[in-house]
Amino acid sequence: MEEILTAYFIYLNQQEHLSQNTIQSYQNDLKQYLHYVKNQKINHWNDVSRKVVIDFFSNLQRQEKAQATMMRMLSSVKKFHLYLQLQQITEHNPTLQVELAKKSSKAPEYLTLAEIEQIMQIPDASTVLGLRDRTMLELLYASGVRVSEFIELKLSEFNLVMGLLHLIGKGNRERIIPLGPTTLNWLKLYLEQSRPQLISDDSPYLFVNHRGKPFTRQGIWKIIKQIITEAKIEKSVTPQTFRHSLAIHLLQNGADLATVQEILGHVDISTTEIYVRMTKKRLSETYLKYFPRA
């Protein structure tokens, strides 16, 4: 069973041309799935039944896995079983009509401007790693890019003279993101003083870890978590939180919805509209809190 799974990962790399980051997600999901299946005393993928698949996800629910994580894992498992069927390794697809109940969407967490400023002061910009971390924070907030896009950022995608980031992001979609003078100043400092001391070769990546290698998503999350702890921010903050914060702050300061959609790279404007609802909710809460006759 392991050999077939390994062959699938090679197929994703060579035939589907997926990024290493995406393939890593498949590997993490499907190795968990394989472990569960083998614990059920199953020795061939053709013996996996619909009940086994459902029980696997029921087990994840008991572990209180996040809904987004479970939805991603279901997608991984479904695509794998489709591959098995197409390759005639199995005679049936046990994932057909297996769905997860959707929970009501929760408003995304975001940071206030004061919290953003508090976080920015944590890295010691007089050190090589501190300057890198401060620049990463500035760019995460100013650009609103997804963490999967962030770790793939290349030097060639930036025009520092024009103040633009030309990005090929999720789904191979192109977008151009303007960058303000504060972010550009930090980028220039990082490129002049920090990055040359971190890279060991002609790496095309903008940000690298302390070994001069490209970041993983987990590496970025770890740095963010440490900074948030030091800043004593009592919120669940991830790289995605900076993206949410940018959207909220742009709308609060008068940006139109289409502009925010373009910057964030949303295909459907209804995805962007959640931030409008959040700003309206915040406006109502502020009114009720401070209006003397509310």
C-alpha atoms as a PDB file:
ATOM      1  CA  MET A   1       0.000   0.000   0.000  1.00  0.00           C
ATOM      2  CA  GLU A   2       2.893   2.323   0.768  1.00  0.00           C
ATOM      3  CA  GLU A   3       4.383   1.704  -2.680  1.00  0.00           C
ATOM      4  CA  ILE A   4       1.157   2.774  -4.382  1.00  0.00           C
ATOM      5  CA  LEU A   5       0.985   5.909  -2.249  1.00  0.00           C
ATOM      6  CA  THR A   6       4.581   6.771  -3.153  1.00  0.00           C
ATOM      7  CA  ALA A   7       3.777   6.272  -6.839  1.00  0.00           C
ATOM      8  CA  TYR A   8       0.851   8.679  -6.430  1.00  0.00           C
ATOM      9  CA  PHE A   9       3.114  11.374  -4.991  1.00  0.00           C
ATOM     10  CA  ILE A  10       5.482  10.945  -7.947  1.00  0.00           C
ATOM     11  CA  TYR A  11       2.471  11.245 -10.267  1.00  0.00           C
ATOM     12  CA  LEU A  12       1.420  14.519  -8.602  1.00  0.00           C
ATOM     13  CA  ASN A  13       4.895  15.917  -9.108  1.00  0.00           C
ATOM     14  CA  GLN A  14       5.583  14.731 -12.639  1.00  0.00           C
ATOM     15  CA  GLN A  15       2.118  14.680 -14.239  1.00  0.00           C
ATOM     16  CA  GLU A  16       0.062  17.222 -12.312  1.00  0.00           C
ATOM     17  CA  HIS A  17       3.037  19.606 -11.860  1.00  0.00           C
ATOM     18  CA  LEU A  18       1.879  20.628  -8.394  1.00  0.00           C
ATOM     19  CA  SER A  19       4.073  22.763  -6.164  1.00  0.00           C
ATOM     20  CA  GLN A  20       6.139  21.064  -3.472  1.00  0.00           C
ATOM     21  CA  ASN A  21       4.040  22.858  -0.895  1.00  0.00           C
ATOM     22  CA  THR A  22       0.820  21.328  -2.271  1.00  0.00           C
ATOM     23  CA  ILE A  23       2.387  17.875  -2.583  1.00  0.00           C
ATOM     24  CA  GLN A  24       3.526  18.114   1.036  1.00  0.00           C
ATOM     25  CA  SER A  25      -0.080  18.746   2.079  1.00  0.00           C
ATOM     26  CA  TYR A  26      -1.196  15.641   0.165  1.00  0.00           C
ATOM     27  CA  GLN A  27       1.549  13.611   1.801  1.00  0.00           C
ATOM     28  CA  ASN A  28       0.614  14.728   5.307  1.00  0.00           C
ATOM     29  CA  ASP A  29      -3.076  13.999   4.742  1.00  0.00           C
ATOM     30  CA  LEU A  30      -2.693  10.660   3.021  1.00  0.00           C
ATOM     31  CA  LYS A  31      -0.079   9.285   5.399  1.00  0.00           C
ATOM     32  CA  GLN A  32      -2.564   9.833   8.227  1.00  0.00           C
ATOM     33  CA  TYR A  33      -5.208   8.105   6.129  1.00  0.00           C
ATOM     34  CA  LEU A  34      -2.895   5.163   5.354  1.00  0.00           C
ATOM     35  CA  HIS A  35      -2.076   4.757   9.058  1.00  0.00           C
ATOM     36  CA  TYR A  36      -5.776   4.591   9.912  1.00  0.00           C
ATOM     37  CA  VAL A  37      -6.585   2.162   7.093  1.00  0.00           C
ATOM     38  CA  LYS A  38      -3.792  -0.223   8.069  1.00  0.00           C
ATOM     39  CA  ASN A  39      -4.983  -0.133  11.686  1.00  0.00           C
ATOM     40  CA  GLN A  40      -8.249  -1.567  10.367  1.00  0.00           C
ATOM     41  CA  LYS A  41      -6.281  -4.647   9.213  1.00  0.00           C
ATOM     42  CA  ILE A  42      -6.711  -3.696   5.554  1.00  0.00           C
ATOM     43  CA  ASN A  43      -3.853  -4.722   3.271  1.00  0.00           C
ATOM     44  CA  HIS A  44      -5.061  -3.556  -0.146  1.00  0.00           C
ATOM     45  CA  TRP A  45      -6.649  -0.309  -1.301  1.00  0.00           C
ATOM     46  CA  ASN A  46      -9.378  -2.270  -3.075  1.00  0.00           C
ATOM     47  CA  ASP A  47     -10.601  -3.476   0.333  1.00  0.00           C
ATOM     48  CA  VAL A  48     -11.306   0.020   1.625  1.00  0.00           C
ATOM     49  CA  SER A  49     -15.056   0.452   1.993  1.00  0.00           C
ATOM     50  CA  ARG A  50     -17.228   3.548   2.241  1.00  0.00           C
ATOM     51  CA  LYS A  51     -17.706   2.770   5.936  1.00  0.00           C
ATOM     52  CA  VAL A  52     -13.931   2.878   6.513  1.00  0.00           C
ATOM     53  CA  VAL A  53     -13.731   6.320   4.882  1.00  0.00           C
ATOM     54  CA  ILE A  54     -16.657   7.632   6.946  1.00  0.00           C
ATOM     55  CA  ASP A  55     -15.193   6.170  10.142  1.00  0.00           C
ATOM     56  CA  PHE A  56     -11.850   7.840   9.384  1.00  0.00           C
ATOM     57  CA  PHE A  57     -13.462  11.270   9.225  1.00  0.00           C
ATOM     58  CA  SER A  58     -15.637  10.548  12.251  1.00  0.00           C
ATOM     59  CA  ASN A  59     -12.423   9.804  14.114  1.00  0.00           C
ATOM     60  CA  LEU A  60     -10.978  13.157  12.990  1.00  0.00           C
ATOM     61  CA  GLN A  61     -14.108  14.901  14.270  1.00  0.00           C
ATOM     62  CA  ARG A  62     -13.669  13.267  17.671  1.00  0.00           C
ATOM     63  CA  GLN A  63     -10.123  14.678  17.686  1.00  0.00           C
ATOM     64  CA  GLU A  64     -11.741  18.108  17.129  1.00  0.00           C
ATOM     65  CA  LYS A  65      -9.852  18.756  13.914  1.00  0.00           C
ATOM     66  CA  ALA A  66     -10.627  22.124  12.336  1.00  0.00           C
ATOM     67  CA  GLN A  67     -13.343  22.092   9.675  1.00  0.00           C
ATOM     68  CA  ALA A  68     -10.989  23.555   7.075  1.00  0.00           C
ATOM     69  CA  THR A  69      -8.440  20.806   7.817  1.00  0.00           C
ATOM     70  CA  MET A  70     -11.043  18.084   7.440  1.00  0.00           C
ATOM     71  CA  MET A  71     -12.360  19.535   4.181  1.00  0.00           C
ATOM     72  CA  ARG A  72      -8.822  19.605   2.780  1.00  0.00           C
ATOM     73  CA  MET A  73      -8.184  16.021   3.901  1.00  0.00           C
ATOM     74  CA  LEU A  74     -11.437  14.840   2.329  1.00  0.00           C
ATOM     75  CA  SER A  75     -10.368  16.429  -0.947  1.00  0.00           C
ATOM     76  CA  SER A  76      -6.982  14.674  -0.708  1.00  0.00           C
ATOM     77  CA  VAL A  77      -8.563  11.285   0.002  1.00  0.00           C
ATOM     78  CA  LYS A  78     -11.133  11.658  -2.788  1.00  0.00           C
ATOM     79  CA  LYS A  79      -8.526  12.579  -5.378  1.00  0.00           C
ATOM     80  CA  PHE A  80      -6.340   9.655  -4.318  1.00  0.00           C
ATOM     81  CA  HIS A  81      -9.165   7.117  -4.669  1.00  0.00           C
ATOM     82  CA  LEU A  82     -10.090   8.570  -8.055  1.00  0.00           C
ATOM     83  CA  TYR A  83      -6.466   8.041  -9.121  1.00  0.00           C
ATOM     84  CA  LEU A  84      -6.592   4.423  -7.878  1.00  0.00           C
ATOM     85  CA  GLN A  85      -9.726   3.773  -9.895  1.00  0.00           C
ATOM     86  CA  LEU A  86      -8.407   5.422 -13.061  1.00  0.00           C
ATOM     87  CA  GLN A  87      -5.192   3.416 -12.775  1.00  0.00           C
ATOM     88  CA  GLN A  88      -7.315   0.254 -12.357  1.00  0.00           C
ATOM     89  CA  ILE A  89      -5.678  -0.444  -9.017  1.00  0.00           C
ATOM     90  CA  THR A  90      -9.123  -0.590  -7.429  1.00  0.00           C
ATOM     91  CA  GLU A  91     -12.508  -1.620  -8.831  1.00  0.00           C
ATOM     92  CA  HIS A  92     -14.592   0.925  -6.943  1.00  0.00           C
ATOM     93  CA  ASN A  93     -14.358   4.370  -5.335  1.00  0.00           C
ATOM     94  CA  PRO A  94     -15.419   4.305  -1.650  1.00  0.00           C
ATOM     95  CA  THR A  95     -15.404   8.119  -1.380  1.00  0.00           C
ATOM     96  CA  LEU A  96     -18.336   8.662  -3.741  1.00  0.00           C
ATOM     97  CA  GLN A  97     -21.101  10.606  -1.987  1.00  0.00           C
ATOM     98  CA  VAL A  98     -18.995  11.000   1.155  1.00  0.00           C
ATOM     99  CA  GLU A  99     -19.450  14.576   2.313  1.00  0.00           C
ATOM    100  CA  LEU A 100     -18.845  16.538   5.502  1.00  0.00           C
ATOM    101  CA  ALA A 101     -21.575  18.577   7.130  1.00  0.00           C
ATOM    102  CA  LYS A 102     -20.722  22.231   6.674  1.00  0.00           C
ATOM    103  CA  LYS A 103     -20.600  24.344   9.799  1.00  0.00           C
ATOM    104  CA  SER A 104     -21.768  27.937   9.771  1.00  0.00           C
ATOM    105  CA  SER A 105     -18.909  30.140   8.652  1.00  0.00           C
ATOM    106  CA  LYS A 106     -17.159  31.934  11.473  1.00  0.00           C
ATOM    107  CA  ALA A 107     -16.075  35.539  11.025  1.00  0.00           C
ATOM    108  CA  PRO A 108     -12.287  35.571  10.555  1.00  0.00           C
ATOM    109  CA  GLU A 109     -10.098  36.945  13.330  1.00  0.00           C
ATOM    110  CA  TYR A 110      -8.364  40.233  12.617  1.00  0.00           C
ATOM    111  CA  LEU A 111      -6.006  42.646  14.364  1.00  0.00           C
ATOM    112  CA  THR A 112      -6.609  46.256  15.265  1.00  0.00           C
ATOM    113  CA  LEU A 113      -4.188  48.923  14.065  1.00  0.00           C
ATOM    114  CA  ALA A 114      -2.849  49.219  17.607  1.00  0.00           C
ATOM    115  CA  GLU A 115      -2.199  45.466  17.734  1.00  0.00           C
ATOM    116  CA  ILE A 116      -0.472  45.577  14.340  1.00  0.00           C
ATOM    117  CA  GLU A 117       1.853  48.301  15.612  1.00  0.00           C
ATOM    118  CA  GLN A 118       2.464  46.367  18.828  1.00  0.00           C
ATOM    119  CA  ILE A 119       3.468  43.276  16.842  1.00  0.00           C
ATOM    120  CA  MET A 120       5.760  45.218  14.507  1.00  0.00           C
ATOM    121  CA  GLN A 121       7.839  46.413  17.454  1.00  0.00           C
ATOM    122  CA  ILE A 122       8.753  42.906  18.629  1.00  0.00           C
ATOM    123  CA  PRO A 123      11.510  41.868  16.162  1.00  0.00           C
ATOM    124  CA  ASP A 124      14.908  43.430  16.893  1.00  0.00           C
ATOM    125  CA  ALA A 125      15.646  45.060  13.536  1.00  0.00           C
ATOM    126  CA  SER A 126      19.281  45.625  14.539  1.00  0.00           C
ATOM    127  CA  THR A 127      19.917  41.878  14.049  1.00  0.00           C
ATOM    128  CA  VAL A 128      19.966  39.890  10.813  1.00  0.00           C
ATOM    129  CA  LEU A 129      17.006  37.668  11.729  1.00  0.00           C
ATOM    130  CA  GLY A 130      15.136  40.471  13.463  1.00  0.00           C
ATOM    131  CA  LEU A 131      15.312  42.659  10.358  1.00  0.00           C
ATOM    132  CA  ARG A 132      14.125  39.756   8.241  1.00  0.00           C
ATOM    133  CA  ASP A 133      11.207  39.061  10.598  1.00  0.00           C
ATOM    134  CA  ARG A 134      10.154  42.717  10.743  1.00  0.00           C
ATOM    135  CA  THR A 135      10.189  42.891   6.948  1.00  0.00           C
ATOM    136  CA  MET A 136       8.146  39.694   6.700  1.00  0.00           C
ATOM    137  CA  LEU A 137       5.530  41.113   9.061  1.00  0.00           C
ATOM    138  CA  GLU A 138       5.362  44.382   7.140  1.00  0.00           C
ATOM    139  CA  LEU A 139       4.923  42.585   3.827  1.00  0.00           C
ATOM    140  CA  LEU A 140       2.388  40.061   5.130  1.00  0.00           C
ATOM    141  CA  TYR A 141       0.211  42.920   6.327  1.00  0.00           C
ATOM    142  CA  ALA A 142       0.789  45.336   3.434  1.00  0.00           C
ATOM    143  CA  SER A 143       0.271  42.804   0.629  1.00  0.00           C
ATOM    144  CA  GLY A 144      -2.367  40.499   2.098  1.00  0.00           C
ATOM    145  CA  VAL A 145      -0.850  37.511   0.290  1.00  0.00           C
ATOM    146  CA  ARG A 146      -1.696  33.975   1.336  1.00  0.00           C
ATOM    147  CA  VAL A 147       0.996  32.120   3.271  1.00  0.00           C
ATOM    148  CA  SER A 148       1.294  29.620   0.379  1.00  0.00           C
ATOM    149  CA  GLU A 149       2.029  32.578  -1.919  1.00  0.00           C
ATOM    150  CA  PHE A 150       4.271  34.279   0.622  1.00  0.00           C
ATOM    151  CA  ILE A 151       6.787  31.438   0.902  1.00  0.00           C
ATOM    152  CA  GLU A 152       7.047  31.321  -2.903  1.00  0.00           C
ATOM    153  CA  LEU A 153       7.770  35.055  -3.370  1.00  0.00           C
ATOM    154  CA  LYS A 154      10.717  35.707  -5.699  1.00  0.00           C
ATOM    155  CA  LEU A 155      12.940  38.774  -5.989  1.00  0.00           C
ATOM    156  CA  SER A 156      11.990  39.022  -9.657  1.00  0.00           C
ATOM    157  CA  GLU A 157       8.351  39.664  -8.730  1.00  0.00           C
ATOM    158  CA  PHE A 158       9.138  43.012  -7.098  1.00  0.00           C
ATOM    159  CA  ASN A 159       9.601  46.394  -8.744  1.00  0.00           C
ATOM    160  CA  LEU A 160      10.894  48.533  -5.876  1.00  0.00           C
ATOM    161  CA  VAL A 161      11.138  51.636  -8.048  1.00  0.00           C
ATOM    162  CA  MET A 162       7.461  51.460  -9.002  1.00  0.00           C
ATOM    163  CA  GLY A 163       6.471  50.040  -5.614  1.00  0.00           C
ATOM    164  CA  LEU A 164       4.693  47.011  -7.079  1.00  0.00           C
ATOM    165  CA  LEU A 165       4.489  43.287  -6.427  1.00  0.00           C
ATOM    166  CA  HIS A 166       3.633  41.330  -9.602  1.00  0.00           C
ATOM    167  CA  LEU A 167       2.324  38.036  -8.289  1.00  0.00           C
ATOM    168  CA  ILE A 168       1.208  34.783  -9.892  1.00  0.00           C
ATOM    169  CA  GLY A 169      -0.853  33.408  -7.052  1.00  0.00           C
ATOM    170  CA  LYS A 170      -3.403  30.735  -6.262  1.00  0.00           C
ATOM    171  CA  GLY A 171      -4.841  29.060  -9.330  1.00  0.00           C
ATOM    172  CA  ASN A 172      -2.142  30.625 -11.545  1.00  0.00           C
ATOM    173  CA  ARG A 173      -3.989  33.936 -11.359  1.00  0.00           C
ATOM    174  CA  GLU A 174      -2.025  37.122 -11.890  1.00  0.00           C
ATOM    175  CA  ARG A 175      -2.397  40.198  -9.737  1.00  0.00           C
ATOM    176  CA  ILE A 176      -0.460  43.404  -9.128  1.00  0.00           C
ATOM    177  CA  ILE A 177      -0.260  44.683  -5.555  1.00  0.00           C
ATOM    178  CA  PRO A 178       0.916  48.222  -4.756  1.00  0.00           C
ATOM    179  CA  LEU A 179       3.255  48.621  -1.792  1.00  0.00           C
ATOM    180  CA  GLY A 180       3.512  51.720   0.374  1.00  0.00           C
ATOM    181  CA  PRO A 181       6.715  53.609   1.283  1.00  0.00           C
ATOM    182  CA  THR A 182       6.990  52.040   4.754  1.00  0.00           C
ATOM    183  CA  THR A 183       6.974  48.506   3.369  1.00  0.00           C
ATOM    184  CA  LEU A 184       9.363  49.448   0.567  1.00  0.00           C
ATOM    185  CA  ASN A 185      11.829  50.967   3.052  1.00  0.00           C
ATOM    186  CA  TRP A 186      11.868  47.780   5.117  1.00  0.00           C
ATOM    187  CA  LEU A 187      12.295  45.675   1.987  1.00  0.00           C
ATOM    188  CA  LYS A 188      15.281  47.744   0.881  1.00  0.00           C
ATOM    189  CA  LEU A 189      16.888  47.482   4.329  1.00  0.00           C
ATOM    190  CA  TYR A 190      16.380  43.721   4.366  1.00  0.00           C
ATOM    191  CA  LEU A 191      17.813  43.276   0.877  1.00  0.00           C
ATOM    192  CA  GLU A 192      20.847  45.419   1.678  1.00  0.00           C
ATOM    193  CA  GLN A 193      21.674  44.332   5.233  1.00  0.00           C
ATOM    194  CA  SER A 194      20.035  41.014   6.103  1.00  0.00           C
ATOM    195  CA  ARG A 195      19.393  38.803   3.089  1.00  0.00           C
ATOM    196  CA  PRO A 196      23.018  38.816   1.819  1.00  0.00           C
ATOM    197  CA  GLN A 197      24.065  37.306   5.162  1.00  0.00           C
ATOM    198  CA  LEU A 198      21.425  34.580   5.004  1.00  0.00           C
ATOM    199  CA  ILE A 199      21.697  33.197   1.474  1.00  0.00           C
ATOM    200  CA  SER A 200      24.438  30.766   0.533  1.00  0.00           C
ATOM    201  CA  ASP A 201      23.726  30.635  -3.193  1.00  0.00           C
ATOM    202  CA  ASP A 202      21.818  32.487  -5.905  1.00  0.00           C
ATOM    203  CA  SER A 203      18.442  31.730  -4.349  1.00  0.00           C
ATOM    204  CA  PRO A 204      15.549  33.393  -6.198  1.00  0.00           C
ATOM    205  CA  TYR A 205      13.408  33.459  -3.043  1.00  0.00           C
ATOM    206  CA  LEU A 206      12.830  36.743  -1.246  1.00  0.00           C
ATOM    207  CA  PHE A 207      12.764  35.294   2.260  1.00  0.00           C
ATOM    208  CA  VAL A 208      14.912  32.426   3.495  1.00  0.00           C
ATOM    209  CA  ASN A 209      15.375  30.762   6.862  1.00  0.00           C
ATOM    210  CA  HIS A 210      18.507  30.868   9.023  1.00  0.00           C
ATOM    211  CA  ARG A 211      20.049  28.126   6.863  1.00  0.00           C
ATOM    212  CA  GLY A 212      19.498  30.115   3.682  1.00  0.00           C
ATOM    213  CA  LYS A 213      16.743  27.764   2.480  1.00  0.00           C
ATOM    214  CA  PRO A 214      13.177  28.652   1.390  1.00  0.00           C
ATOM    215  CA  PHE A 215      10.606  28.800   4.158  1.00  0.00           C
ATOM    216  CA  THR A 216       7.894  26.213   4.683  1.00  0.00           C
ATOM    217  CA  ARG A 217       4.447  27.250   5.877  1.00  0.00           C
ATOM    218  CA  GLN A 218       5.242  25.687   9.224  1.00  0.00           C
ATOM    219  CA  GLY A 219       8.404  27.792   9.486  1.00  0.00           C
ATOM    220  CA  ILE A 220       6.441  31.025   8.974  1.00  0.00           C
ATOM    221  CA  TRP A 221       3.768  29.928  11.450  1.00  0.00           C
ATOM    222  CA  LYS A 222       6.408  29.182  14.073  1.00  0.00           C
ATOM    223  CA  ILE A 223       7.938  32.661  13.782  1.00  0.00           C
ATOM    224  CA  ILE A 224       4.510  34.343  13.897  1.00  0.00           C
ATOM    225  CA  LYS A 225       3.505  32.320  16.957  1.00  0.00           C
ATOM    226  CA  GLN A 226       6.660  33.338  18.836  1.00  0.00           C
ATOM    227  CA  ILE A 227       6.208  37.027  17.984  1.00  0.00           C
ATOM    228  CA  ILE A 228       2.527  37.007  18.992  1.00  0.00           C
ATOM    229  CA  THR A 229       3.442  35.393  22.310  1.00  0.00           C
ATOM    230  CA  GLU A 230       6.051  38.074  23.003  1.00  0.00           C
ATOM    231  CA  ALA A 231       3.596  40.813  21.992  1.00  0.00           C
ATOM    232  CA  LYS A 232       1.059  39.383  24.490  1.00  0.00           C
ATOM    233  CA  ILE A 233      -1.730  39.463  21.909  1.00  0.00           C
ATOM    234  CA  GLU A 234      -4.685  37.499  23.268  1.00  0.00           C
ATOM    235  CA  LYS A 235      -5.956  36.336  19.879  1.00  0.00           C
ATOM    236  CA  SER A 236      -5.413  33.303  17.693  1.00  0.00           C
ATOM    237  CA  VAL A 237      -3.089  34.841  15.106  1.00  0.00           C
ATOM    238  CA  THR A 238      -1.834  33.063  11.996  1.00  0.00           C
ATOM    239  CA  PRO A 239      -0.283  34.427   8.786  1.00  0.00           C
ATOM    240  CA  GLN A 240      -3.830  34.517   7.384  1.00  0.00           C
ATOM    241  CA  THR A 241      -4.831  36.954  10.152  1.00  0.00           C
ATOM    242  CA  PHE A 242      -2.679  39.663   8.543  1.00  0.00           C
ATOM    243  CA  ARG A 243      -4.575  39.133   5.289  1.00  0.00           C
ATOM    244  CA  HIS A 244      -7.918  39.509   7.073  1.00  0.00           C
ATOM    245  CA  SER A 245      -6.635  42.598   8.892  1.00  0.00           C
ATOM    246  CA  LEU A 246      -5.573  44.301   5.666  1.00  0.00           C
ATOM    247  CA  ALA A 247      -8.998  43.724   4.123  1.00  0.00           C
ATOM    248  CA  ILE A 248     -10.821  45.120   7.167  1.00  0.00           C
ATOM    249  CA  HIS A 249      -8.552  48.167   7.459  1.00  0.00           C
ATOM    250  CA  LEU A 250      -8.819  48.992   3.750  1.00  0.00           C
ATOM    251  CA  LEU A 251     -12.618  48.901   3.908  1.00  0.00           C
ATOM    252  CA  GLN A 252     -12.700  50.882   7.153  1.00  0.00           C
ATOM    253  CA  ASN A 253     -10.664  53.587   5.443  1.00  0.00           C
ATOM    254  CA  GLY A 254     -12.934  53.845   2.417  1.00  0.00           C
ATOM    255  CA  ALA A 255     -11.560  51.365  -0.126  1.00  0.00           C
ATOM    256  CA  ASP A 256     -14.155  49.967  -2.520  1.00  0.00           C
ATOM    257  CA  LEU A 257     -14.973  46.270  -2.558  1.00  0.00           C
ATOM    258  CA  ALA A 258     -13.623  45.630  -6.086  1.00  0.00           C
ATOM    259  CA  THR A 259     -10.196  47.007  -5.125  1.00  0.00           C
ATOM    260  CA  VAL A 260      -9.994  44.787  -2.040  1.00  0.00           C
ATOM    261  CA  GLN A 261     -11.090  41.801  -4.143  1.00  0.00           C
ATOM    262  CA  GLU A 262      -8.306  42.506  -6.648  1.00  0.00           C
ATOM    263  CA  ILE A 263      -5.604  42.892  -3.983  1.00  0.00           C
ATOM    264  CA  LEU A 264      -6.618  39.705  -2.167  1.00  0.00           C
ATOM    265  CA  GLY A 265      -7.022  37.748  -5.404  1.00  0.00           C
ATOM    266  CA  HIS A 266     -10.569  36.559  -4.736  1.00  0.00           C
ATOM    267  CA  VAL A 267     -12.234  35.017  -7.784  1.00  0.00           C
ATOM    268  CA  ASP A 268     -15.735  35.564  -6.392  1.00  0.00           C
ATOM    269  CA  ILE A 269     -16.567  38.953  -4.878  1.00  0.00           C
ATOM    270  CA  SER A 270     -18.924  37.223  -2.422  1.00  0.00           C
ATOM    271  CA  THR A 271     -15.788  35.950  -0.655  1.00  0.00           C
ATOM    272  CA  THR A 272     -14.696  39.564  -0.157  1.00  0.00           C
ATOM    273  CA  GLU A 273     -18.134  40.648   1.043  1.00  0.00           C
ATOM    274  CA  ILE A 274     -17.652  38.886   4.384  1.00  0.00           C
ATOM    275  CA  TYR A 275     -15.304  41.726   5.343  1.00  0.00           C
ATOM    276  CA  VAL A 276     -17.993  44.296   4.570  1.00  0.00           C
ATOM    277  CA  ARG A 277     -20.355  42.513   6.949  1.00  0.00           C
ATOM    278  CA  MET A 278     -17.629  42.507   9.588  1.00  0.00           C
ATOM    279  CA  THR A 279     -17.010  46.256   9.282  1.00  0.00           C
ATOM    280  CA  LYS A 280     -20.746  46.936   9.537  1.00  0.00           C
ATOM    281  CA  LYS A 281     -20.978  44.744  12.624  1.00  0.00           C
ATOM    282  CA  ARG A 282     -18.040  46.593  14.176  1.00  0.00           C
ATOM    283  CA  LEU A 283     -19.700  49.933  13.356  1.00  0.00           C
ATOM    284  CA  SER A 284     -22.927  48.854  15.078  1.00  0.00           C
ATOM    285  CA  GLU A 285     -21.047  47.619  18.155  1.00  0.00           C
ATOM    286  CA  THR A 286     -19.112  50.891  18.430  1.00  0.00           C
ATOM    287  CA  TYR A 287     -22.307  52.934  18.076  1.00  0.00           C
ATOM    288  CA  LEU A 288     -24.132  50.961  20.749  1.00  0.00           C
ATOM    289  CA  LYS A 289     -21.145  51.193  23.073  1.00  0.00           C
ATOM    290  CA  TYR A 290     -20.500  54.925  22.822  1.00  0.00           C
ATOM    291  CA  PHE A 291     -23.772  56.619  21.838  1.00  0.00           C
ATOM    292  CA  PRO A 292     -25.164  58.019  25.114  1.00  0.00           C
ATOM    293  CA  ARG A 293     -28.777  57.169  24.288  1.00  0.00           C
ATOM    294  CA  ALA A 294     -28.216  53.810  22.652  1.00  0.00           C
END
